[in-house]
C-alpha atoms as a PDB file:
ATOM      1  CA  MET A   1     -11.401  -3.536  38.487  1.00  0.00           C
ATOM      2  CA  GLN A   2      -9.716  -1.670  35.613  1.00  0.00           C
ATOM      3  CA  LYS A   3      -8.599   1.853  36.417  1.00  0.00           C
ATOM      4  CA  ASN A   4     -10.084   4.334  33.941  1.00  0.00           C
ATOM      5  CA  PHE A   5      -6.861   5.850  32.558  1.00  0.00           C
ATOM      6  CA  ARG A   6      -7.843   8.678  30.243  1.00  0.00           C
ATOM      7  CA  PRO A   7      -5.306  10.821  28.359  1.00  0.00           C
ATOM      8  CA  ASN A   8      -6.090  14.385  27.359  1.00  0.00           C
ATOM      9  CA  PRO A   9      -8.365  14.283  24.270  1.00  0.00           C
ATOM     10  CA  ASN A  10      -6.054  16.679  22.391  1.00  0.00           C
ATOM     11  CA  SER A  11      -2.886  14.692  23.115  1.00  0.00           C
ATOM     12  CA  PHE A  12      -3.161  12.725  19.841  1.00  0.00           C
ATOM     13  CA  LYS A  13      -3.788  15.638  17.490  1.00  0.00           C
ATOM     14  CA  ASN A  14      -1.001  16.168  14.956  1.00  0.00           C
ATOM     15  CA  THR A  15       0.932  13.045  15.897  1.00  0.00           C
ATOM     16  CA  PHE A  16       2.830  10.329  14.084  1.00  0.00           C
ATOM     17  CA  CYS A  17       2.863   6.823  15.554  1.00  0.00           C
ATOM     18  CA  VAL A  18       3.723   3.288  14.493  1.00  0.00           C
ATOM     19  CA  PHE A  19       1.541   0.639  16.123  1.00  0.00           C
ATOM     20  CA  GLN A  20       2.435  -3.052  16.294  1.00  0.00           C
ATOM     21  CA  GLU A  21      -0.386  -5.477  15.560  1.00  0.00           C
ATOM     22  CA  VAL A  22      -1.160  -7.714  18.524  1.00  0.00           C
ATOM     23  CA  ALA A  23      -3.556 -10.577  19.171  1.00  0.00           C
ATOM     24  CA  MET A  24      -7.144  -9.730  20.118  1.00  0.00           C
ATOM     25  CA  SER A  25      -6.602 -11.546  23.412  1.00  0.00           C
ATOM     26  CA  GLU A  26      -4.471  -8.557  24.536  1.00  0.00           C
ATOM     27  CA  VAL A  27      -7.611  -6.499  25.238  1.00  0.00           C
ATOM     28  CA  GLN A  28      -9.618  -9.300  26.796  1.00  0.00           C
ATOM     29  CA  GLY A  29     -11.039  -7.978  30.035  1.00  0.00           C
ATOM     30  CA  LEU A  30     -10.257  -4.346  29.144  1.00  0.00           C
ATOM     31  CA  ARG A  31     -13.013  -1.801  28.804  1.00  0.00           C
ATOM     32  CA  ILE A  32     -13.425   0.289  25.646  1.00  0.00           C
ATOM     33  CA  GLN A  33     -12.569   3.784  26.790  1.00  0.00           C
ATOM     34  CA  PHE A  34     -13.317   5.651  23.589  1.00  0.00           C
ATOM     35  CA  GLU A  35     -15.072   4.845  20.310  1.00  0.00           C
ATOM     36  CA  SER A  36     -14.692   7.164  17.329  1.00  0.00           C
ATOM     37  CA  LYS A  37     -17.443   8.110  14.907  1.00  0.00           C
ATOM     38  CA  ALA A  38     -15.679   5.911  12.327  1.00  0.00           C
ATOM     39  CA  GLY A  39     -15.938   2.870  14.624  1.00  0.00           C
ATOM     40  CA  SER A  40     -12.374   2.656  15.933  1.00  0.00           C
ATOM     41  CA  ARG A  41     -12.145   1.499  19.526  1.00  0.00           C
ATOM     42  CA  TYR A  42      -9.518   2.625  21.985  1.00  0.00           C
ATOM     43  CA  TYR A  43      -8.275   0.922  25.123  1.00  0.00           C
ATOM     44  CA  TYR A  44      -5.825   2.830  27.318  1.00  0.00           C
ATOM     45  CA  SER A  45      -3.308   1.450  29.768  1.00  0.00           C
ATOM     46  CA  ASP A  46      -0.517   2.972  31.820  1.00  0.00           C
ATOM     47  CA  LEU A  47       1.973   1.769  29.165  1.00  0.00           C
ATOM     48  CA  GLY A  48       0.189   2.797  26.006  1.00  0.00           C
ATOM     49  CA  MET A  49      -2.810   2.585  23.721  1.00  0.00           C
ATOM     50  CA  PHE A  50      -4.571  -0.294  22.016  1.00  0.00           C
ATOM     51  CA  ARG A  51      -6.522   0.693  18.904  1.00  0.00           C
ATOM     52  CA  LEU A  52      -8.950  -1.656  17.154  1.00  0.00           C
ATOM     53  CA  SER A  53      -9.703  -0.348  13.684  1.00  0.00           C
ATOM     54  CA  ASN A  54     -10.259  -1.198  10.039  1.00  0.00           C
ATOM     55  CA  HIS A  55      -8.409   1.903   8.825  1.00  0.00           C
ATOM     56  CA  TRP A  56      -4.824   3.014   9.381  1.00  0.00           C
ATOM     57  CA  GLY A  57      -2.567   5.633   7.843  1.00  0.00           C
ATOM     58  CA  ARG A  58      -3.727   9.238   7.617  1.00  0.00           C
ATOM     59  CA  LEU A  59      -6.398   9.861  10.264  1.00  0.00           C
ATOM     60  CA  ALA A  60      -7.879  13.353  10.384  1.00  0.00           C
ATOM     61  CA  ASN A  61      -4.840  15.276  11.616  1.00  0.00           C
ATOM     62  CA  SER A  62      -2.514  12.368  12.472  1.00  0.00           C
ATOM     63  CA  LYS A  63      -0.446   9.694  10.750  1.00  0.00           C
ATOM     64  CA  TRP A  64      -0.788   6.311  12.456  1.00  0.00           C
ATOM     65  CA  ARG A  65       0.672   3.241  10.788  1.00  0.00           C
ATOM     66  CA  LEU A  66       0.162  -0.412  11.691  1.00  0.00           C
ATOM     67  CA  ILE A  67       2.885  -3.012  11.320  1.00  0.00           C
ATOM     68  CA  GLY A  68       1.029  -6.267  10.830  1.00  0.00           C
ATOM     69  CA  LEU A  69       1.612  -9.666  12.318  1.00  0.00           C
ATOM     70  CA  LYS A  70       3.466 -12.316  10.326  1.00  0.00           C
ATOM     71  CA  PRO A  71       1.747 -14.290   8.963  1.00  0.00           C
ATOM     72  CA  GLU A  72      -0.806 -11.635   8.155  1.00  0.00           C
ATOM     73  CA  THR A  73      -4.207 -11.913   9.806  1.00  0.00           C
ATOM     74  CA  ASP A  74      -7.196 -12.041   7.461  1.00  0.00           C
ATOM     75  CA  THR A  75      -9.548  -9.955   9.594  1.00  0.00           C
ATOM     76  CA  LYS A  76     -10.594  -6.477   8.498  1.00  0.00           C
ATOM     77  CA  PHE A  77     -10.283  -5.049  11.990  1.00  0.00           C
ATOM     78  CA  LYS A  78      -6.726  -5.059  13.339  1.00  0.00           C
ATOM     79  CA  LEU A  79      -5.659  -4.464  16.916  1.00  0.00           C
ATOM     80  CA  GLY A  80      -2.548  -2.351  17.301  1.00  0.00           C
ATOM     81  CA  PHE A  81      -0.565  -1.309  20.353  1.00  0.00           C
ATOM     82  CA  ALA A  82       1.770   1.661  20.810  1.00  0.00           C
ATOM     83  CA  LEU A  83       3.633   2.888  23.863  1.00  0.00           C
ATOM     84  CA  TRP A  84       2.824   6.430  24.932  1.00  0.00           C
ATOM     85  CA  SER A  85       6.455   7.316  24.164  1.00  0.00           C
ATOM     86  CA  SER A  86       5.908   6.291  20.500  1.00  0.00           C
ATOM     87  CA  PHE A  87       3.648   9.248  19.700  1.00  0.00           C
ATOM     88  CA  TYR A  88       5.709  11.954  18.004  1.00  0.00           C
ATOM     89  CA  PRO A  89       4.727  15.484  16.942  1.00  0.00           C
ATOM     90  CA  ASP A  90       3.654  16.034  13.332  1.00  0.00           C
ATOM     91  CA  ASN A  91       3.227  19.122  11.200  1.00  0.00           C
ATOM     92  CA  ALA A  92       3.566  20.114   7.553  1.00  0.00           C
ATOM     93  CA  ILE A  93       6.316  22.681   8.056  1.00  0.00           C
ATOM     94  CA  ASP A  94       9.202  21.015   9.895  1.00  0.00           C
ATOM     95  CA  GLU A  95      11.610  18.434   8.510  1.00  0.00           C
ATOM     96  CA  LEU A  96      10.475  15.577  10.735  1.00  0.00           C
ATOM     97  CA  TYR A  97      10.715  12.502   8.508  1.00  0.00           C
ATOM     98  CA  TYR A  98      13.276  10.284   6.841  1.00  0.00           C
ATOM     99  CA  ILE A  99      12.933   7.442   4.354  1.00  0.00           C
ATOM    100  CA  GLU A 100      13.710   3.772   4.948  1.00  0.00           C
ATOM    101  CA  ALA A 101      14.040   1.358   2.027  1.00  0.00           C
ATOM    102  CA  ASP A 102      13.872  -2.409   2.470  1.00  0.00           C
ATOM    103  CA  TYR A 103      15.665  -3.757  -0.588  1.00  0.00           C
ATOM    104  CA  ASP A 104      15.001  -7.407   0.291  1.00  0.00           C
ATOM    105  CA  ASN A 105      11.224  -6.911   0.383  1.00  0.00           C
ATOM    106  CA  ASN A 106      11.153  -4.125  -2.223  1.00  0.00           C
ATOM    107  CA  THR A 107       9.331  -1.706   0.080  1.00  0.00           C
ATOM    108  CA  VAL A 108       9.792   1.870   1.213  1.00  0.00           C
ATOM    109  CA  THR A 109       8.352   3.796   4.132  1.00  0.00           C
ATOM    110  CA  TYR A 110       9.012   6.869   6.228  1.00  0.00           C
ATOM    111  CA  GLN A 111       9.871   7.237   9.879  1.00  0.00           C
ATOM    112  CA  HIS A 112       9.944  10.096  12.372  1.00  0.00           C
ATOM    113  CA  LYS A 113      13.235  11.670  13.414  1.00  0.00           C
ATOM    114  CA  ASN A 114      12.397  10.922  17.081  1.00  0.00           C
ATOM    115  CA  ASN A 115      12.421   7.204  16.311  1.00  0.00           C
ATOM    116  CA  PRO A 116      15.225   5.789  18.516  1.00  0.00           C
ATOM    117  CA  GLU A 117      16.475   3.780  15.504  1.00  0.00           C
ATOM    118  CA  TYR A 118      17.169   6.911  13.405  1.00  0.00           C
ATOM    119  CA  ASP A 119      20.879   6.862  12.508  1.00  0.00           C
ATOM    120  CA  LYS A 120      20.945  10.579  11.556  1.00  0.00           C
ATOM    121  CA  ILE A 121      22.311   9.716   8.095  1.00  0.00           C
ATOM    122  CA  ALA A 122      19.143   9.795   5.988  1.00  0.00           C
ATOM    123  CA  ILE A 123      18.091  13.347   5.080  1.00  0.00           C
ATOM    124  CA  LEU A 124      15.182  14.783   7.076  1.00  0.00           C
ATOM    125  CA  ARG A 125      12.338  16.202   5.000  1.00  0.00           C
ATOM    126  CA  THR A 126       8.869  17.685   5.355  1.00  0.00           C
ATOM    127  CA  SER A 127       5.878  15.380   4.921  1.00  0.00           C
ATOM    128  CA  PHE A 128       5.246  16.871   1.435  1.00  0.00           C
ATOM    129  CA  GLU A 129       8.851  16.178   0.348  1.00  0.00           C
ATOM    130  CA  ILE A 130       8.687  12.670   1.829  1.00  0.00           C
ATOM    131  CA  THR A 131       5.485  11.874  -0.075  1.00  0.00           C
ATOM    132  CA  LYS A 132       7.038  13.022  -3.351  1.00  0.00           C
ATOM    133  CA  ARG A 133      10.257  11.013  -2.853  1.00  0.00           C
ATOM    134  CA  ILE A 134       8.425   7.870  -1.759  1.00  0.00           C
ATOM    135  CA  LYS A 135       6.307   8.034  -4.913  1.00  0.00           C
ATOM    136  CA  GLN A 136       9.492   8.305  -7.004  1.00  0.00           C
ATOM    137  CA  ILE A 137      11.081   5.377  -5.150  1.00  0.00           C
ATOM    138  CA  ARG A 138       7.996   3.181  -5.577  1.00  0.00           C
ATOM    139  CA  ASN A 139       8.014   3.915  -9.318  1.00  0.00           C
ATOM    140  CA  LEU A 140      11.678   2.903  -9.459  1.00  0.00           C
ATOM    141  CA  GLN A 141      10.891  -0.285  -7.517  1.00  0.00           C
ATOM    142  CA  GLN A 142       7.833  -1.344  -9.504  1.00  0.00           C
ATOM    143  CA  LEU A 143       8.515  -0.175 -13.049  1.00  0.00           C
ATOM    144  CA  THR A 144      11.274  -0.867 -15.557  1.00  0.00           C
ATOM    145  CA  SER A 145      10.489   1.621 -18.339  1.00  0.00           C
ATOM    146  CA  TRP A 146      12.624   4.308 -16.646  1.00  0.00           C
ATOM    147  CA  ALA A 147      15.739   2.110 -17.043  1.00  0.00           C
ATOM    148  CA  LYS A 148      15.713   1.883 -20.852  1.00  0.00           C
ATOM    149  CA  HIS A 149      17.912   4.999 -21.145  1.00  0.00           C
ATOM    150  CA  PHE A 150      20.682   3.566 -18.970  1.00  0.00           C
ATOM    151  CA  ASP A 151      23.531   1.218 -19.767  1.00  0.00           C
ATOM    152  CA  TYR A 152      23.443  -1.310 -16.941  1.00  0.00           C
ATOM    153  CA  GLU A 153      24.038  -4.990 -16.247  1.00  0.00           C
ATOM    154  CA  ASP A 154      21.903  -5.377 -13.114  1.00  0.00           C
ATOM    155  CA  ILE A 155      18.719  -3.300 -12.792  1.00  0.00           C
ATOM    156  CA  ASP A 156      18.522  -4.053  -9.055  1.00  0.00           C
ATOM    157  CA  LEU A 157      21.939  -2.468  -8.479  1.00  0.00           C
ATOM    158  CA  LEU A 158      20.920   0.524 -10.592  1.00  0.00           C
ATOM    159  CA  ARG A 159      17.678   0.867  -8.602  1.00  0.00           C
ATOM    160  CA  LYS A 160      19.520   0.686  -5.297  1.00  0.00           C
ATOM    161  CA  ALA A 161      22.045   3.331  -6.371  1.00  0.00           C
ATOM    162  CA  ILE A 162      19.310   5.765  -7.424  1.00  0.00           C
ATOM    163  CA  ILE A 163      17.138   5.081  -4.356  1.00  0.00           C
ATOM    164  CA  ASN A 164      20.096   5.585  -2.016  1.00  0.00           C
ATOM    165  CA  GLU A 165      20.742   8.976  -3.615  1.00  0.00           C
ATOM    166  CA  LEU A 166      17.074   9.897  -3.116  1.00  0.00           C
ATOM    167  CA  ILE A 167      17.304   8.923   0.565  1.00  0.00           C
ATOM    168  CA  PHE A 168      20.740  10.227   1.505  1.00  0.00           C
ATOM    169  CA  THR A 169      21.077  13.407  -0.615  1.00  0.00           C
ATOM    170  CA  ASN A 170      19.048  16.437  -1.589  1.00  0.00           C
ATOM    171  CA  LYS A 171      19.610  15.825  -5.293  1.00  0.00           C
ATOM    172  CA  THR A 172      16.524  15.678  -7.469  1.00  0.00           C
ATOM    173  CA  LEU A 173      15.685  12.500  -9.356  1.00  0.00           C
ATOM    174  CA  GLU A 174      16.615  14.263 -12.607  1.00  0.00           C
ATOM    175  CA  GLU A 175      20.033  15.258 -11.200  1.00  0.00           C
ATOM    176  CA  ILE A 176      20.652  11.695 -10.041  1.00  0.00           C
ATOM    177  CA  LYS A 177      19.714  10.225 -13.435  1.00  0.00           C
ATOM    178  CA  ARG A 178      21.971  12.720 -15.289  1.00  0.00           C
ATOM    179  CA  GLN A 179      24.829  11.863 -12.917  1.00  0.00           C
ATOM    180  CA  ILE A 180      24.455   8.135 -13.689  1.00  0.00           C
ATOM    181  CA  GLU A 181      24.128   8.450 -17.484  1.00  0.00           C
END
């Protein structure tokens, strides 16, 4: 019989967490221990939490991201798992986040400073600053119109140089562009 492990209801407020998508068979035999008004289902274990949901990202007062399986599953509802130790504090005031760019896949995301993989090189920023910089980086990644004022041979190298400055310095995008011109 499954032990009814139940964390404190307030323990997930104002948290950041990255869940890994897992197969639905992972919760076979487990009892749903909480169901939200939005229809998300939660299964708790001694190691961590399983969450079955069709929405990820900003949730009320938390930021929970799902890293999907490869190849991607085509179901709307995804089952994610996170260790209890993967839930980090979140607030709008402190510099808690850093940016990670994946140049091979042309993606950008943010991570929490408590992430054990944080190398302490990328600049820590508030969630507002992170949102602004990620938007700038995505524009650099997806558009080309910004590059018409530069003399360059390889736009990908130019992009990488500007994005690295956005990640590893406190310079504004305008300062970086003036520096490169």
